[in-house]
Amino acid sequence: MTESKKKQLRTIEEPFVALGPSGVAIRDRLKHLTPEDDKVLRLVGEHLGHLASLDLKNRCADGLDHTSDSWAARKQGLTADSSSRWAGAITKATHDQWALSRRCQLAHIQGLEAGVRTLIHRLAQPVGEKGTKRAPGGYRSKGEWFHKSRRLATLEHRLDDTRAEREAGVVHVVRGGRRLLGNRHNLEQAQLTEPQWRRRWEAERWFLAADGETGKRYGNETIRVAPDGEVSIKLPAPLAHHANAPRGRYVLACKVAFRHRGAEWRDRIGANRAVAYRVHLDVERGRWYLTASWTKPVVKTVPLESARAEGMVGVDTNADHFAAYRLDRHGNPVGDPRRFFYDLSGATDHRDAQIRHAVSQLLHWAGRCGVKAIGIENLDFTAEKTREKHGRKKRFRQLVAGIPTGKLRARLVSMAAERGLSIVAVDPAYTSIWGDQHWRKPLTSNKRKMSRHDAASVAIGRRALGYPIRRRTAPPHDDQSDRRGHRTAQAGPRDRGREGTRPPVTERAHDARSRIGEQRTREPSASNTVRDARSSGTWQQMSLLDTV
């Protein structure tokens, strides 16, 4: 095969140490609330939620013509029905939601463009044309070609409409969530009754969140939490008659005690530093919760060489488990592969708990191994979620779309930072292919079963350590004195004869006898080596690992 016909490999990015978390969020339950407390919280949430809906409507109407003056006018209009700080929290949440919708709109356009490109390419190919590794072929039948041509027209229409909306600054936002809105038309499939759905819908549209302010008492004037756990809320002006404390405040009968990061939270509010709070209701359980959050400066990452000093744990992310393998600082696999399973089916809370549990198990094991870093692929499946990307492979499309890469990265980075572990992100290109090619068979034995994912974790770990994925073995020595030593340099891509393990002793002896016309050198013959090995019964030829 000529050089021109060889597959052109894409450029592989250098590994880097991921930045640590930039914020903290902790949560505690509001226990032992009185009926009056529950009533006041519902009234405040409903009233502020109505104001937030009106403000979002006005912001969407402004579109790209929004200015700071219009922002100030909206805030001034909300202040009369709430307070200055409530109005500031509502307008800020509105702007964040509008900006998020714009980013999602851009991602939707990119997905439509990718689908249109794929459809145009495949429709231009003859029916039944086989594809290649670099480009898909034609469709299998004329019927499929016809249906895909109709789908192309549909996608092009959607793309034109979405582009026009983006140019005009039009976004589509649903307060309460688009998924919950869709459940209204599929109550039986969602296993909900109309009253149950209505209670969830109203609770999701409530607004009970306030940003903190440094320099104010306990870091927040609107929702204030004292060091002893007392929670008080500044009531909006129309609900001030429900106040049970001076200056229009309502003090809840319960107290909170943050178990996780409680000391850090108390130190922060003791210094009057900003802390944001959010009160929300879990309708299914009938429980109120309080979430406290604050920002923190991003800690400067450790140098890459320091992260590699004690070896690495390579992790391959899959749809239902983490495949992990420990590597020493030379890039050699140590021990056996480990797998940490999780189930991403079911409700959102269940999936989130499964991810946390799997990440916790992975971090505990990495800590016991004594490594200082974890190597993981820098995954981003945004461009892979288009329906046309993988054609008929519906299960594979669902598999790719089901991996919550964003949540996985966020959870892993934040939880690893708490344990003093660094995350080294590597380019995912060819890790599964090359890992399976170079590491699966050599590491498989009668006591160790290697999967494709386990081999990929070795490839990821080696790339994170800065070593090539390809496995090389040392050549035979000149003589018993071993004066030449092991070859540690990587062989060229064409030197196929130097790959893999050495053949058994008996095969090498047979090859030595069959050579004709070769000059014999003063070295021990292969037959003597065989005889010594058979007599002792202890000599074994093992595959040597790269020890760069």
Protein backbone atom coordinates (compact mmCIF):
# COMPACT_ATOMS: atom_id res chain seq x y z
CA MET A 1 0.00 0.00 0.00
CA THR A 2 1.42 3.37 -1.00
CA GLU A 3 1.76 6.33 1.30
CA SER A 4 -1.02 8.20 -0.53
CA LYS A 5 -3.51 5.40 0.12
CA LYS A 6 -2.74 5.15 3.82
CA LYS A 7 -5.28 6.48 6.25
CA GLN A 8 -4.37 9.98 7.39
CA LEU A 9 -4.48 10.12 11.18
CA ARG A 10 -5.80 13.26 12.74
CA THR A 11 -3.64 15.42 14.97
CA ILE A 12 -3.61 14.28 18.59
CA GLU A 13 -3.78 17.06 21.17
CA GLU A 14 -1.36 17.15 24.08
CA PRO A 15 -2.66 16.05 27.52
CA PHE A 16 -3.28 18.73 30.12
CA VAL A 17 -4.24 18.97 33.78
CA ALA A 18 -7.90 19.99 34.13
CA LEU A 19 -8.78 23.03 36.20
CA GLY A 20 -10.37 22.50 39.57
CA PRO A 21 -13.95 23.48 40.51
CA SER A 22 -14.82 27.18 40.65
CA GLY A 23 -17.78 26.91 43.01
CA VAL A 24 -19.25 25.01 45.94
CA ALA A 25 -22.85 23.95 46.61
CA ILE A 26 -24.15 22.25 49.76
CA ARG A 27 -27.69 21.28 50.72
CA ASP A 28 -29.67 20.52 53.85
CA ARG A 29 -33.28 19.69 54.55
CA LEU A 30 -35.62 22.13 56.27
CA LYS A 31 -37.08 19.82 58.92
CA HIS A 32 -39.95 20.31 61.35
CA LEU A 33 -41.58 23.20 59.49
CA THR A 34 -44.88 24.42 60.93
CA PRO A 35 -48.00 24.73 58.73
CA GLU A 36 -47.52 28.50 58.83
CA ASP A 37 -43.93 28.13 57.58
CA ASP A 38 -45.09 25.95 54.69
CA LYS A 39 -47.84 28.43 53.82
CA VAL A 40 -45.48 31.42 53.80
CA LEU A 41 -42.88 29.64 51.66
CA ARG A 42 -45.53 28.69 49.11
CA LEU A 43 -46.93 32.22 48.98
CA VAL A 44 -43.49 33.79 48.52
CA GLY A 45 -42.44 31.26 45.89
CA GLU A 46 -45.67 31.66 43.92
CA HIS A 47 -45.58 35.47 44.04
CA LEU A 48 -41.93 35.76 43.01
CA GLY A 49 -42.37 33.05 40.38
CA HIS A 50 -45.12 35.10 38.74
CA LEU A 51 -42.82 38.14 38.67
CA ALA A 52 -39.99 36.03 37.21
CA SER A 53 -42.26 34.79 34.41
CA LEU A 54 -43.27 38.35 33.50
CA ASP A 55 -39.64 39.51 33.55
CA LEU A 56 -38.55 36.63 31.30
CA LYS A 57 -41.34 37.47 28.88
CA ASN A 58 -40.17 41.10 28.71
CA ARG A 59 -36.53 40.06 28.26
CA CYS A 60 -37.39 37.73 25.38
CA ALA A 61 -39.43 40.51 23.78
CA ASP A 62 -36.39 42.83 23.86
CA GLY A 63 -34.27 40.28 21.98
CA LEU A 64 -31.02 41.69 20.66
CA ASP A 65 -32.20 45.26 21.34
CA HIS A 66 -31.72 44.81 25.07
CA THR A 67 -29.68 47.54 26.79
CA SER A 68 -28.63 48.40 30.30
CA ASP A 69 -31.37 51.04 30.41
CA SER A 70 -34.07 48.47 29.69
CA TRP A 71 -32.54 46.23 32.34
CA ALA A 72 -32.74 49.05 34.89
CA ALA A 73 -36.34 49.79 33.88
CA ARG A 74 -37.35 46.14 34.36
CA LYS A 75 -35.66 46.00 37.74
CA GLN A 76 -37.36 49.21 38.84
CA GLY A 77 -40.75 47.83 37.83
CA LEU A 78 -40.18 44.64 39.86
CA THR A 79 -38.98 46.48 42.95
CA ALA A 80 -42.42 47.90 43.70
CA ASP A 81 -43.94 44.39 43.96
CA SER A 82 -41.05 42.77 45.81
CA SER A 83 -37.86 44.55 46.97
CA SER A 84 -34.69 45.87 45.42
CA ARG A 85 -32.72 42.72 46.20
CA TRP A 86 -35.47 40.35 45.06
CA ALA A 87 -35.72 42.33 41.82
CA GLY A 88 -31.96 42.06 41.29
CA ALA A 89 -32.04 38.29 41.84
CA ILE A 90 -34.95 37.86 39.41
CA THR A 91 -33.41 39.93 36.60
CA LYS A 92 -30.05 38.17 36.94
CA ALA A 93 -31.71 34.75 36.76
CA THR A 94 -33.63 35.94 33.69
CA HIS A 95 -30.45 36.99 31.91
CA ASP A 96 -28.73 33.70 32.73
CA GLN A 97 -31.68 31.75 31.38
CA TRP A 98 -31.83 33.80 28.18
CA ALA A 99 -28.08 33.37 27.60
CA LEU A 100 -28.35 29.61 28.16
CA SER A 101 -31.14 29.43 25.59
CA ARG A 102 -28.96 31.25 23.07
CA ARG A 103 -26.14 28.76 23.57
CA CYS A 104 -28.53 25.83 23.19
CA GLN A 105 -29.91 27.43 20.05
CA LEU A 106 -26.43 27.62 18.54
CA ALA A 107 -25.77 23.97 19.42
CA HIS A 108 -29.07 23.03 17.77
CA ILE A 109 -28.06 24.86 14.59
CA GLN A 110 -24.73 23.05 14.51
CA GLY A 111 -26.48 19.70 14.90
CA LEU A 112 -28.89 20.49 12.07
CA GLU A 113 -26.00 21.55 9.82
CA ALA A 114 -24.16 18.29 10.52
CA GLY A 115 -27.27 16.28 9.69
CA VAL A 116 -27.88 18.19 6.45
CA ARG A 117 -24.27 17.67 5.32
CA THR A 118 -24.47 13.93 5.95
CA LEU A 119 -27.79 13.58 4.14
CA ILE A 120 -26.59 15.55 1.11
CA HIS A 121 -23.47 13.40 0.86
CA ARG A 122 -25.29 10.07 1.14
CA LEU A 123 -28.08 11.08 -1.23
CA ALA A 124 -25.45 12.00 -3.85
CA GLN A 125 -23.99 8.46 -3.72
CA PRO A 126 -25.43 5.64 -5.88
CA VAL A 127 -27.93 3.38 -4.14
CA GLY A 128 -26.08 0.50 -2.52
CA GLU A 129 -22.68 2.21 -2.67
CA LYS A 130 -20.47 0.97 0.16
CA GLY A 131 -18.90 3.47 2.49
CA THR A 132 -15.34 3.83 3.68
CA LYS A 133 -13.74 4.55 7.00
CA ARG A 134 -13.63 8.23 6.14
CA ALA A 135 -17.08 8.75 4.59
CA PRO A 136 -20.43 6.91 4.56
CA GLY A 137 -21.78 5.36 1.39
CA GLY A 138 -25.16 5.47 -0.28
CA TYR A 139 -28.47 4.21 1.07
CA ARG A 140 -29.43 0.58 0.80
CA SER A 141 -32.62 0.88 -1.23
CA LYS A 142 -34.63 3.33 -3.28
CA GLY A 143 -37.29 3.44 -0.56
CA GLU A 144 -34.76 4.50 2.06
CA TRP A 145 -33.32 7.04 -0.37
CA PHE A 146 -36.82 8.52 -0.84
CA HIS A 147 -37.53 8.81 2.90
CA LYS A 148 -34.14 10.40 3.53
CA SER A 149 -34.76 12.94 0.78
CA ARG A 150 -37.96 13.93 2.57
CA ARG A 151 -36.07 14.16 5.85
CA LEU A 152 -33.46 16.40 4.18
CA ALA A 153 -36.20 18.83 3.16
CA THR A 154 -37.52 18.82 6.74
CA LEU A 155 -34.11 19.50 8.27
CA GLU A 156 -33.35 22.27 5.80
CA HIS A 157 -36.66 23.94 6.69
CA ARG A 158 -35.89 23.67 10.42
CA LEU A 159 -32.41 25.02 9.85
CA ASP A 160 -33.68 28.04 7.93
CA ASP A 161 -36.25 28.82 10.63
CA THR A 162 -33.74 28.45 13.47
CA ARG A 163 -31.17 30.63 11.72
CA ALA A 164 -33.80 33.32 11.14
CA GLU A 165 -34.81 33.19 14.82
CA ARG A 166 -31.20 33.50 15.93
CA GLU A 167 -30.60 36.50 13.70
CA ALA A 168 -33.75 38.12 15.11
CA GLY A 169 -32.80 37.29 18.71
CA VAL A 170 -35.80 35.00 19.26
CA VAL A 171 -35.40 32.21 21.84
CA HIS A 172 -37.84 29.62 23.18
CA VAL A 173 -37.72 29.28 26.97
CA VAL A 174 -39.99 27.23 29.24
CA ARG A 175 -40.04 28.14 32.91
CA GLY A 176 -40.52 24.85 34.67
CA GLY A 177 -38.73 22.73 32.09
CA ARG A 178 -39.61 21.56 28.60
CA ARG A 179 -39.59 17.92 29.64
CA LEU A 180 -42.17 18.50 32.36
CA LEU A 181 -44.25 20.49 29.90
CA GLY A 182 -44.15 17.55 27.49
CA ASN A 183 -45.31 15.21 30.26
CA ARG A 184 -48.62 17.11 30.33
CA HIS A 185 -49.56 15.49 27.02
CA ASN A 186 -48.25 12.05 28.05
CA LEU A 187 -49.50 11.65 31.62
CA GLU A 188 -50.03 7.90 31.33
CA GLN A 189 -46.51 7.29 30.04
CA ALA A 190 -45.09 9.59 32.75
CA GLN A 191 -47.16 7.74 35.37
CA LEU A 192 -48.72 10.96 36.61
CA THR A 193 -52.23 12.20 37.16
CA GLU A 194 -53.29 15.69 36.17
CA PRO A 195 -53.29 17.00 39.81
CA GLN A 196 -49.85 15.46 40.43
CA TRP A 197 -48.46 17.04 37.29
CA ARG A 198 -50.02 20.38 38.19
CA ARG A 199 -48.38 20.43 41.64
CA ARG A 200 -44.97 19.65 40.11
CA TRP A 201 -45.42 22.25 37.39
CA GLU A 202 -46.34 25.02 39.84
CA ALA A 203 -43.50 24.14 42.21
CA GLU A 204 -40.92 24.21 39.40
CA ARG A 205 -42.09 27.68 38.37
CA TRP A 206 -41.72 29.15 41.87
CA PHE A 207 -38.81 31.45 42.57
CA LEU A 208 -37.07 31.39 45.96
CA ALA A 209 -33.41 32.18 45.29
CA ALA A 210 -31.22 35.10 46.33
CA ASP A 211 -27.64 35.99 45.43
CA GLY A 212 -25.26 36.88 48.21
CA GLU A 213 -23.44 40.15 48.78
CA THR A 214 -20.06 40.51 50.45
CA GLY A 215 -20.07 42.93 53.38
CA LYS A 216 -23.68 42.31 54.36
CA ARG A 217 -24.60 40.45 57.50
CA TYR A 218 -23.83 36.72 57.04
CA GLY A 219 -23.27 37.33 53.34
CA ASN A 220 -26.94 37.63 52.30
CA GLU A 221 -29.65 40.11 53.24
CA THR A 222 -32.56 38.48 51.40
CA ILE A 223 -32.27 34.88 52.64
CA ARG A 224 -30.16 34.98 55.78
CA VAL A 225 -28.81 31.95 57.61
CA ALA A 226 -27.16 32.55 60.96
CA PRO A 227 -24.22 30.47 62.24
CA ASP A 228 -26.58 28.63 64.60
CA GLY A 229 -28.74 27.55 61.63
CA GLU A 230 -31.61 30.04 61.95
CA VAL A 231 -33.19 30.84 58.57
CA SER A 232 -34.96 34.14 57.92
CA ILE A 233 -36.44 35.49 54.67
CA LYS A 234 -37.11 39.08 53.62
CA LEU A 235 -40.75 39.07 52.55
CA PRO A 236 -41.88 40.91 49.40
CA ALA A 237 -43.86 44.07 50.01
CA PRO A 238 -47.33 42.57 49.27
CA LEU A 239 -46.67 39.75 51.78
CA ALA A 240 -45.12 41.85 54.55
CA HIS A 241 -48.15 41.28 56.81
CA HIS A 242 -47.00 37.66 57.30
CA ALA A 243 -43.76 38.81 58.99
CA ASN A 244 -42.98 37.44 62.46
CA ALA A 245 -39.73 39.39 62.93
CA PRO A 246 -38.72 43.08 62.66
CA ARG A 247 -38.14 44.81 59.27
CA GLY A 248 -40.54 42.60 57.33
CA ARG A 249 -38.67 39.33 57.87
CA TYR A 250 -40.03 35.86 58.47
CA VAL A 251 -38.04 33.42 60.63
CA LEU A 252 -38.60 29.71 60.03
CA ALA A 253 -39.19 27.45 63.00
CA CYS A 254 -36.50 24.97 61.91
CA LYS A 255 -32.73 25.25 61.84
CA VAL A 256 -30.27 23.89 59.30
CA ALA A 257 -26.95 22.17 59.96
CA PHE A 258 -24.82 21.59 56.90
CA ARG A 259 -23.02 18.32 57.51
CA HIS A 260 -20.85 18.58 54.43
CA ARG A 261 -18.48 21.58 54.34
CA GLY A 262 -20.21 23.01 57.40
CA ALA A 263 -16.99 24.45 58.83
CA GLU A 264 -16.14 26.13 55.53
CA TRP A 265 -19.64 27.62 55.32
CA ARG A 266 -19.48 28.96 58.89
CA ASP A 267 -16.09 30.54 58.27
CA ARG A 268 -17.48 32.24 55.19
CA ILE A 269 -20.60 33.70 56.76
CA GLY A 270 -18.58 34.65 59.85
CA ALA A 271 -16.49 36.90 57.61
CA ASN A 272 -19.67 38.28 55.93
CA ARG A 273 -18.68 36.92 52.53
CA ALA A 274 -21.28 36.36 49.79
CA VAL A 275 -23.32 33.15 49.93
CA ALA A 276 -26.25 32.45 47.58
CA TYR A 277 -29.24 30.48 48.83
CA ARG A 278 -32.07 28.64 47.10
CA VAL A 279 -35.17 27.16 48.75
CA HIS A 280 -37.03 24.51 46.77
CA LEU A 281 -39.73 21.92 47.34
CA ASP A 282 -39.50 18.24 46.45
CA VAL A 283 -43.15 17.67 45.58
CA GLU A 284 -42.89 13.89 45.38
CA ARG A 285 -41.50 13.61 48.90
CA GLY A 286 -43.17 16.70 50.33
CA ARG A 287 -39.86 18.05 51.68
CA TRP A 288 -38.30 21.51 51.61
CA TYR A 289 -34.56 21.93 51.01
CA LEU A 290 -32.10 24.80 51.33
CA THR A 291 -29.06 24.94 49.02
CA ALA A 292 -26.11 27.22 49.81
CA SER A 293 -23.53 28.02 47.13
CA TRP A 294 -20.55 30.31 46.66
CA THR A 295 -17.73 30.83 44.23
CA LYS A 296 -14.11 30.09 44.95
CA PRO A 297 -10.95 31.06 43.07
CA VAL A 298 -9.77 28.37 40.70
CA VAL A 299 -6.78 26.68 42.29
CA LYS A 300 -3.68 26.71 40.12
CA THR A 301 -3.19 23.24 38.73
CA VAL A 302 -0.10 21.21 39.55
CA PRO A 303 2.52 20.83 36.79
CA LEU A 304 1.97 17.90 34.49
CA GLU A 305 5.30 16.33 35.47
CA SER A 306 4.31 16.41 39.15
CA ALA A 307 1.02 14.71 38.36
CA ARG A 308 2.91 11.95 36.52
CA ALA A 309 5.51 11.38 39.24
CA GLU A 310 3.70 8.54 41.04
CA GLY A 311 2.15 6.90 38.02
CA MET A 312 -1.39 7.23 36.72
CA VAL A 313 -4.79 5.57 36.75
CA GLY A 314 -6.19 5.39 33.22
CA VAL A 315 -10.00 5.51 33.04
CA ASP A 316 -12.16 4.63 30.04
CA THR A 317 -15.70 6.03 30.26
CA ASN A 318 -18.49 3.77 29.02
CA ALA A 319 -22.27 3.72 29.02
CA ASP A 320 -22.55 1.60 32.17
CA HIS A 321 -19.15 1.52 33.87
CA PHE A 322 -15.69 3.00 34.34
CA ALA A 323 -12.85 0.73 33.16
CA ALA A 324 -9.69 1.60 35.10
CA TYR A 325 -6.12 0.34 35.12
CA ARG A 326 -3.18 1.45 37.24
CA LEU A 327 0.12 2.27 35.47
CA ASP A 328 3.48 3.00 37.06
CA ARG A 329 5.49 6.07 36.12
CA HIS A 330 7.16 4.13 33.28
CA GLY A 331 3.81 3.38 31.64
CA ASN A 332 3.66 -0.30 32.62
CA PRO A 333 0.28 -1.77 33.75
CA VAL A 334 0.29 -2.90 37.38
CA GLY A 335 -2.11 -5.45 38.84
CA ASP A 336 -5.49 -6.26 37.35
CA PRO A 337 -8.11 -4.05 35.69
CA ARG A 338 -10.92 -2.61 37.77
CA ARG A 339 -14.48 -1.81 36.75
CA PHE A 340 -16.88 0.53 38.54
CA PHE A 341 -20.45 0.09 37.36
CA TYR A 342 -23.38 2.52 37.36
CA ASP A 343 -26.94 2.46 36.05
CA LEU A 344 -28.06 5.54 34.11
CA SER A 345 -31.68 4.46 33.70
CA GLY A 346 -34.50 5.88 35.75
CA ALA A 347 -35.05 9.32 37.23
CA THR A 348 -32.52 12.14 37.25
CA ASP A 349 -31.84 11.84 40.98
CA HIS A 350 -31.14 8.12 40.58
CA ARG A 351 -28.71 8.71 37.72
CA ASP A 352 -26.93 11.44 39.65
CA ALA A 353 -26.59 9.20 42.70
CA GLN A 354 -25.22 6.38 40.55
CA ILE A 355 -22.57 8.68 39.06
CA ARG A 356 -21.53 9.96 42.50
CA HIS A 357 -21.24 6.42 43.85
CA ALA A 358 -19.12 5.20 40.93
CA VAL A 359 -16.86 8.25 41.08
CA SER A 360 -16.43 7.78 44.84
CA GLN A 361 -15.40 4.15 44.36
CA LEU A 362 -12.93 5.14 41.64
CA LEU A 363 -11.35 7.86 43.79
CA HIS A 364 -11.08 5.59 46.85
CA TRP A 365 -9.28 2.95 44.77
CA ALA A 366 -6.96 5.54 43.17
CA GLY A 367 -6.07 6.81 46.64
CA ARG A 368 -5.19 3.30 47.81
CA CYS A 369 -2.99 2.83 44.73
CA GLY A 370 -0.91 5.84 45.78
CA VAL A 371 -1.17 7.75 42.51
CA LYS A 372 -1.57 11.53 42.34
CA ALA A 373 -3.54 11.81 39.08
CA ILE A 374 -6.22 10.15 37.00
CA GLY A 375 -6.05 10.13 33.20
CA ILE A 376 -9.39 10.35 31.41
CA GLU A 377 -10.53 11.13 27.88
CA ASN A 378 -11.53 14.71 27.14
CA LEU A 379 -14.91 13.54 25.87
CA ASP A 380 -17.44 15.80 24.19
CA PHE A 381 -20.26 14.05 22.36
CA THR A 382 -22.01 17.24 21.24
CA ALA A 383 -21.21 16.71 17.57
CA GLU A 384 -21.97 12.97 17.76
CA LYS A 385 -25.63 13.26 18.80
CA THR A 386 -27.02 14.02 15.36
CA ARG A 387 -29.34 11.28 14.14
CA GLU A 388 -27.64 11.06 10.75
CA LYS A 389 -24.16 10.52 12.18
CA HIS A 390 -24.47 6.76 12.70
CA GLY A 391 -27.28 5.90 10.29
CA ARG A 392 -29.19 2.76 11.25
CA LYS A 393 -27.24 2.26 14.47
CA LYS A 394 -30.09 3.35 16.71
CA ARG A 395 -28.82 1.57 19.81
CA PHE A 396 -25.37 3.08 19.36
CA ARG A 397 -26.89 6.57 18.96
CA GLN A 398 -28.82 6.06 22.17
CA LEU A 399 -25.65 4.80 23.84
CA VAL A 400 -23.66 7.89 22.87
CA ALA A 401 -26.46 10.29 23.77
CA GLY A 402 -27.02 8.57 27.11
CA ILE A 403 -23.52 9.15 28.50
CA PRO A 404 -23.74 12.31 30.65
CA THR A 405 -20.26 13.56 29.81
CA GLY A 406 -20.84 17.03 31.27
CA LYS A 407 -22.01 15.72 34.65
CA LEU A 408 -19.30 13.08 34.70
CA ARG A 409 -16.57 15.65 34.15
CA ALA A 410 -17.99 18.08 36.70
CA ARG A 411 -18.43 15.39 39.35
CA LEU A 412 -15.05 13.81 38.77
CA VAL A 413 -13.11 17.10 38.80
CA SER A 414 -14.80 18.47 41.91
CA MET A 415 -14.66 15.24 43.92
CA ALA A 416 -11.05 14.53 42.90
CA ALA A 417 -9.98 18.02 43.99
CA GLU A 418 -11.27 17.28 47.50
CA ARG A 419 -9.02 14.23 47.70
CA GLY A 420 -5.93 15.95 46.35
CA LEU A 421 -6.03 14.13 43.01
CA SER A 422 -5.44 15.81 39.67
CA ILE A 423 -7.35 15.04 36.47
CA VAL A 424 -5.27 14.75 33.30
CA ALA A 425 -7.41 15.08 30.16
CA VAL A 426 -6.15 13.37 27.00
CA ASP A 427 -7.26 13.30 23.39
CA PRO A 428 -9.65 10.32 22.90
CA ALA A 429 -8.50 9.64 19.32
CA TYR A 430 -7.78 5.95 18.61
CA THR A 431 -7.50 4.96 22.30
CA SER A 432 -9.97 2.06 21.94
CA ILE A 433 -8.52 0.84 18.64
CA TRP A 434 -4.86 1.02 19.59
CA GLY A 435 -5.44 -0.21 23.13
CA ASP A 436 -7.21 -3.30 21.81
CA GLN A 437 -4.49 -3.83 19.18
CA HIS A 438 -1.44 -3.50 21.42
CA TRP A 439 -2.52 -4.32 24.99
CA ARG A 440 -5.52 -6.62 25.13
CA LYS A 441 -3.80 -9.85 24.06
CA PRO A 442 -0.49 -9.39 25.98
CA LEU A 443 -2.33 -8.70 29.25
CA THR A 444 -4.80 -11.57 28.88
CA SER A 445 -4.02 -14.73 30.82
CA ASN A 446 -5.84 -17.68 32.32
CA LYS A 447 -6.31 -15.61 35.50
CA ARG A 448 -6.99 -12.22 33.93
CA LYS A 449 -9.74 -11.42 31.45
CA MET A 450 -9.17 -8.25 29.45
CA SER A 451 -11.97 -6.45 27.64
CA ARG A 452 -11.64 -3.84 24.93
CA HIS A 453 -12.46 -1.17 27.51
CA ASP A 454 -9.73 -2.38 29.88
CA ALA A 455 -7.19 -2.15 27.07
CA ALA A 456 -8.46 1.34 26.25
CA SER A 457 -7.84 2.42 29.85
CA VAL A 458 -4.19 1.34 29.49
CA ALA A 459 -3.91 3.37 26.29
CA ILE A 460 -5.42 6.41 28.00
CA GLY A 461 -3.06 6.08 30.95
CA ARG A 462 0.01 5.82 28.72
CA ARG A 463 -1.05 8.87 26.72
CA ALA A 464 -1.59 10.80 29.97
CA LEU A 465 1.92 9.82 31.07
CA GLY A 466 3.37 11.08 27.80
CA TYR A 467 4.26 7.66 26.33
CA PRO A 468 3.18 6.25 22.95
CA ILE A 469 0.38 3.71 23.10
CA ARG A 470 2.17 1.17 20.91
CA ARG A 471 3.78 -1.63 22.87
CA ARG A 472 7.36 -2.68 22.06
CA THR A 473 9.52 -5.56 23.37
CA ALA A 474 13.28 -5.65 23.70
CA PRO A 475 15.34 -7.59 21.11
CA PRO A 476 17.50 -10.60 21.99
CA HIS A 477 20.89 -9.86 23.54
CA ASP A 478 24.26 -10.22 21.84
CA ASP A 479 25.42 -12.80 24.36
CA GLN A 480 25.08 -13.79 27.99
CA SER A 481 27.05 -10.77 29.18
CA ASP A 482 24.16 -8.55 28.03
CA ARG A 483 26.61 -5.82 27.03
CA ARG A 484 24.23 -4.17 24.59
CA GLY A 485 21.30 -3.90 27.01
CA HIS A 486 17.65 -3.39 26.21
CA ARG A 487 16.49 -1.27 23.29
CA THR A 488 14.17 1.40 24.65
CA ALA A 489 13.66 3.48 21.51
CA GLN A 490 10.38 3.07 19.66
CA ALA A 491 10.53 1.24 16.34
CA GLY A 492 9.37 2.85 13.15
CA PRO A 493 5.88 2.17 11.81
CA ARG A 494 7.26 -0.20 9.12
CA ASP A 495 9.39 -2.32 11.42
CA ARG A 496 6.68 -4.93 11.93
CA GLY A 497 9.17 -7.72 12.64
CA ARG A 498 10.07 -6.21 16.00
CA GLU A 499 6.56 -6.23 17.45
CA GLY A 500 5.09 -8.67 19.90
CA THR A 501 6.63 -11.30 22.14
CA ARG A 502 9.57 -13.46 21.18
CA PRO A 503 8.76 -16.97 19.81
CA PRO A 504 9.15 -19.96 22.15
CA VAL A 505 12.59 -21.42 22.77
CA THR A 506 11.91 -24.57 20.74
CA GLU A 507 10.96 -22.58 17.64
CA ARG A 508 14.11 -20.46 17.86
CA ALA A 509 16.25 -23.60 18.17
CA HIS A 510 14.64 -25.16 15.11
CA ASP A 511 15.21 -21.96 13.12
CA ALA A 512 18.87 -21.93 14.15
CA ARG A 513 19.44 -25.49 12.87
CA SER A 514 17.76 -24.77 9.53
CA ARG A 515 19.95 -21.81 8.64
CA ILE A 516 22.34 -22.54 5.73
CA GLY A 517 25.38 -20.56 4.78
CA GLU A 518 25.36 -18.28 7.83
CA GLN A 519 28.54 -17.64 9.80
CA ARG A 520 28.41 -19.01 13.34
CA THR A 521 29.67 -16.73 16.06
CA ARG A 522 31.26 -17.64 19.37
CA GLU A 523 28.10 -17.68 21.47
CA PRO A 524 26.09 -20.38 23.26
CA SER A 525 24.08 -22.38 20.78
CA ALA A 526 20.31 -22.42 20.88
CA SER A 527 20.30 -26.20 21.51
CA ASN A 528 22.40 -25.75 24.68
CA THR A 529 20.03 -23.03 25.80
CA VAL A 530 17.10 -25.37 25.27
CA ARG A 531 18.86 -28.19 27.09
CA ASP A 532 19.70 -25.94 30.08
CA ALA A 533 16.16 -24.62 30.21
CA ARG A 534 14.65 -28.11 30.10
CA SER A 535 17.02 -29.46 32.74
CA SER A 536 16.45 -26.63 35.20
CA GLY A 537 12.75 -26.31 34.60
CA THR A 538 12.74 -22.78 35.97
CA TRP A 539 13.66 -20.55 33.03
CA GLN A 540 10.76 -18.72 31.35
CA GLN A 541 10.66 -16.18 28.57
CA MET A 542 8.20 -13.44 29.52
CA SER A 543 7.06 -10.52 27.41
CA LEU A 544 9.00 -7.41 28.37
CA LEU A 545 7.18 -4.14 28.89
CA ASP A 546 8.48 -0.77 27.80
CA THR A 547 10.33 0.90 30.67
CA VAL A 548 11.15 4.30 29.23
